[in-house]
Structures are given as structure tokens and as C-alpha cells.
Amino acid sequence: MAHTRTDPGTGEPALGHIQSLPSWLLNRASARGRRLVADALAQDGMRMPHHAVLSAVADLGPVAQAELGRTTGFDPKDMVGILNDLQAQELITRAPDPSDRRKNAITLTAEGRKRLNRLTELGDAANEELLSALSPAERELFLALLARVVDQG
């Protein structure tokens, strides 16, 4: 006969307790969100890191490669690969930074801007699907509460 373990603090089944924890639920929601966004971006042949870098270049560009890495949090070796992929697709350009010739300045191309607009639409649709169970008022409250939790750290 199988024995169900109980949480000593609540008397609930242990797995039920774990699955009700905010950390568990946030992790599950995050995994679902990542999956939805990754699948949406894949419709346009793009991966999430590439989209993140394109977005950062659009916001910061022209931007030094090192600053781009610091801003996005990608390891420098990974950043080189991502930039190589984006440059091969003619979505960005790399040129010597006029203020410091030892650095590369990364800039979005016109095609890169168009592609970023398509990716933004796909990502927005995926996030819409993620929150589809919530009413507009619930979404607003949920996002405000999540922002407060994130800002604590």
C-alpha cells in the first residue's frame, strides 16, 4: 500500500503543499511563458536570445559589444555567436566605434528593425495567450504584483 507523505507543518500531502507554493507556481508559469514565446519566435526562425539582443540593440544602438553583453547578461562567448548569427542574416552591423576604434559598435539594420517588429508582434501574442485566463483587470493587478515581487530582489 502506498503511503502519502504529509507536510509536518500543514498536514497536507507534501506534493500538494509544494505545488501550492508561490515559488513553484511562478516557476511553472515562467516555464509556460518561455515555451509559448520560444514557439512563437520559432515561427519566424528566431530564438529568444537573438530576439533579446535585437531588442537591446534597438534600444541602445549604436552600442559597444561589451555593453550589450553587460546589458543582456549573456556570456561574451555566447554574445559573439549571437551577433555572428544576426550579422549573417543582415539584421545588425558591426563597425569600429568612432569614439574608441578598439570597440565594435553594433547597429540595427533596416531589415533588423522590420524583423524585430514581427518578433515583437509574435511575442506579444504569446504573452496574450499566457494571460488569457485573466480578465483585463486581473492582468493589470497580476502584472503590478509581479513587478513588486521582482523589485524586492
Protein backbone atom coordinates (compact mmCIF):
# COMPACT_ATOMS: atom_id res chain seq x y z
CA MET A 1 0.00 0.00 0.00
CA ALA A 2 1.40 3.39 -0.99
CA HIS A 3 1.88 5.86 1.80
CA THR A 4 1.26 9.55 1.08
CA ARG A 5 3.71 11.79 2.86
CA THR A 6 2.29 14.79 4.63
CA ASP A 7 3.82 18.16 5.26
CA PRO A 8 4.56 18.33 9.01
CA GLY A 9 3.53 21.99 9.21
CA THR A 10 0.18 21.74 7.45
CA GLY A 11 -0.78 18.06 7.45
CA GLU A 12 -1.42 18.39 3.69
CA PRO A 13 0.05 15.90 1.26
CA ALA A 14 3.65 17.07 0.73
CA LEU A 15 3.39 17.31 -3.07
CA GLY A 16 0.15 19.29 -2.75
CA HIS A 17 1.91 21.68 -0.41
CA ILE A 18 4.87 22.11 -2.74
CA GLN A 19 2.60 22.71 -5.72
CA SER A 20 0.79 25.48 -3.86
CA LEU A 21 3.98 27.44 -3.07
CA PRO A 22 4.42 30.78 -4.86
CA SER A 23 7.91 29.73 -5.99
CA TRP A 24 6.54 26.53 -7.58
CA LEU A 25 3.68 28.35 -9.29
CA LEU A 26 5.93 31.16 -10.55
CA ASN A 27 8.38 28.60 -11.94
CA ARG A 28 5.58 26.75 -13.75
CA ALA A 29 4.14 30.00 -15.14
CA SER A 30 7.62 31.10 -16.21
CA ALA A 31 8.26 27.78 -17.97
CA ARG A 32 4.94 28.05 -19.79
CA GLY A 33 5.67 31.64 -20.78
CA ARG A 34 9.15 30.75 -22.08
CA ARG A 35 7.70 27.84 -24.06
CA LEU A 36 4.95 29.99 -25.60
CA VAL A 37 7.37 32.79 -26.54
CA ALA A 38 10.02 30.39 -27.86
CA ASP A 39 7.44 28.64 -30.03
CA ALA A 40 6.11 31.97 -31.30
CA LEU A 41 9.57 33.29 -32.20
CA ALA A 42 10.42 29.99 -33.89
CA GLN A 43 7.58 30.71 -36.36
CA ASP A 44 9.88 33.42 -37.71
CA GLY A 45 13.05 31.32 -37.40
CA MET A 46 14.32 33.18 -34.34
CA ARG A 47 15.41 32.12 -30.86
CA MET A 48 14.85 34.05 -27.63
CA PRO A 49 18.49 35.17 -27.12
CA HIS A 50 18.58 36.59 -30.64
CA HIS A 51 15.34 38.46 -30.02
CA ALA A 52 16.69 39.83 -26.72
CA VAL A 53 19.85 41.10 -28.41
CA LEU A 54 17.92 42.67 -31.30
CA SER A 55 15.68 44.43 -28.76
CA ALA A 56 18.67 45.69 -26.79
CA VAL A 57 20.41 46.98 -29.93
CA ALA A 58 17.21 48.77 -30.94
CA ASP A 59 17.04 50.45 -27.53
CA LEU A 60 20.76 51.20 -27.08
CA GLY A 61 22.29 51.26 -30.55
CA PRO A 62 24.76 52.01 -31.71
CA VAL A 63 26.14 50.12 -28.73
CA ALA A 64 29.51 48.61 -27.87
CA GLN A 65 29.57 44.82 -27.92
CA ALA A 66 30.81 44.68 -24.30
CA GLU A 67 28.00 46.97 -23.10
CA LEU A 68 25.48 44.89 -24.99
CA GLY A 69 26.74 41.79 -23.18
CA ARG A 70 26.51 43.51 -19.79
CA THR A 71 23.02 44.81 -20.53
CA THR A 72 21.61 41.49 -21.72
CA GLY A 73 23.57 39.31 -19.28
CA PHE A 74 24.91 36.99 -21.98
CA ASP A 75 28.36 35.47 -21.63
CA PRO A 76 30.83 37.17 -24.02
CA LYS A 77 31.40 33.90 -25.94
CA ASP A 78 27.66 33.44 -26.38
CA MET A 79 27.28 37.08 -27.41
CA VAL A 80 29.81 36.62 -30.22
CA GLY A 81 27.81 33.67 -31.57
CA ILE A 82 24.50 35.52 -31.35
CA LEU A 83 25.96 38.58 -33.09
CA ASN A 84 27.50 36.39 -35.79
CA ASP A 85 24.09 34.81 -36.42
CA LEU A 86 22.35 38.20 -36.55
CA GLN A 87 25.01 39.67 -38.82
CA ALA A 88 24.80 36.67 -41.17
CA GLN A 89 21.07 37.42 -41.53
CA GLU A 90 21.91 41.11 -42.14
CA LEU A 91 19.90 42.19 -39.09
CA ILE A 92 22.78 44.07 -37.45
CA THR A 93 26.05 45.67 -38.48
CA ARG A 94 29.31 45.73 -36.56
CA ALA A 95 31.70 48.57 -37.23
CA PRO A 96 34.53 50.20 -35.30
CA ASP A 97 33.15 52.55 -32.66
CA PRO A 98 34.02 56.12 -33.69
CA SER A 99 34.76 57.07 -30.07
CA ASP A 100 37.02 54.05 -29.47
CA ARG A 101 38.34 52.17 -32.51
CA ARG A 102 39.22 49.16 -30.31
CA LYS A 103 35.50 48.51 -29.77
CA ASN A 104 32.76 47.41 -32.16
CA ALA A 105 29.56 49.42 -32.34
CA ILE A 106 26.51 47.28 -33.03
CA THR A 107 23.66 48.84 -35.00
CA LEU A 108 20.30 47.50 -36.19
CA THR A 109 19.80 47.42 -39.96
CA ALA A 110 16.52 48.37 -41.64
CA GLU A 111 15.84 44.64 -42.11
CA GLY A 112 16.69 44.09 -38.44
CA ARG A 113 14.13 46.69 -37.41
CA LYS A 114 11.45 45.05 -39.60
CA ARG A 115 12.29 41.64 -38.19
CA LEU A 116 12.19 42.98 -34.64
CA ASN A 117 8.71 44.42 -35.28
CA ARG A 118 7.48 40.99 -36.46
CA LEU A 119 9.09 39.28 -33.46
CA THR A 120 7.52 41.79 -31.09
CA GLU A 121 4.08 41.01 -32.52
CA LEU A 122 4.71 37.26 -32.12
CA GLY A 123 5.97 37.71 -28.56
CA ASP A 124 3.02 39.92 -27.65
CA ALA A 125 0.60 37.28 -28.98
CA ALA A 126 2.36 34.59 -26.92
CA ASN A 127 2.11 36.74 -23.78
CA GLU A 128 -1.54 37.38 -24.56
CA GLU A 129 -2.06 33.61 -24.67
CA LEU A 130 -0.16 33.20 -21.40
CA LEU A 131 -2.54 35.57 -19.60
CA SER A 132 -5.69 34.62 -21.50
CA ALA A 133 -7.32 33.09 -18.39
CA LEU A 134 -7.29 36.51 -16.70
CA SER A 135 -9.66 39.43 -17.21
CA PRO A 136 -8.12 42.78 -18.18
CA ALA A 137 -8.41 44.00 -14.57
CA GLU A 138 -6.84 40.77 -13.27
CA ARG A 139 -3.97 41.10 -15.74
CA GLU A 140 -3.26 44.64 -14.64
CA LEU A 141 -3.25 43.61 -10.98
CA PHE A 142 -1.21 40.44 -11.66
CA LEU A 143 1.47 42.38 -13.55
CA ALA A 144 1.62 45.07 -10.86
CA LEU A 145 2.02 42.42 -8.15
CA LEU A 146 4.68 40.54 -10.13
CA ALA A 147 6.60 43.79 -10.63
CA ARG A 148 6.54 44.39 -6.86
CA VAL A 149 7.84 40.88 -6.18
CA VAL A 150 10.60 41.31 -8.76
CA ASP A 151 11.56 44.77 -7.45
CA GLN A 152 12.17 43.33 -3.98
CA GLY A 153 15.24 41.42 -5.19
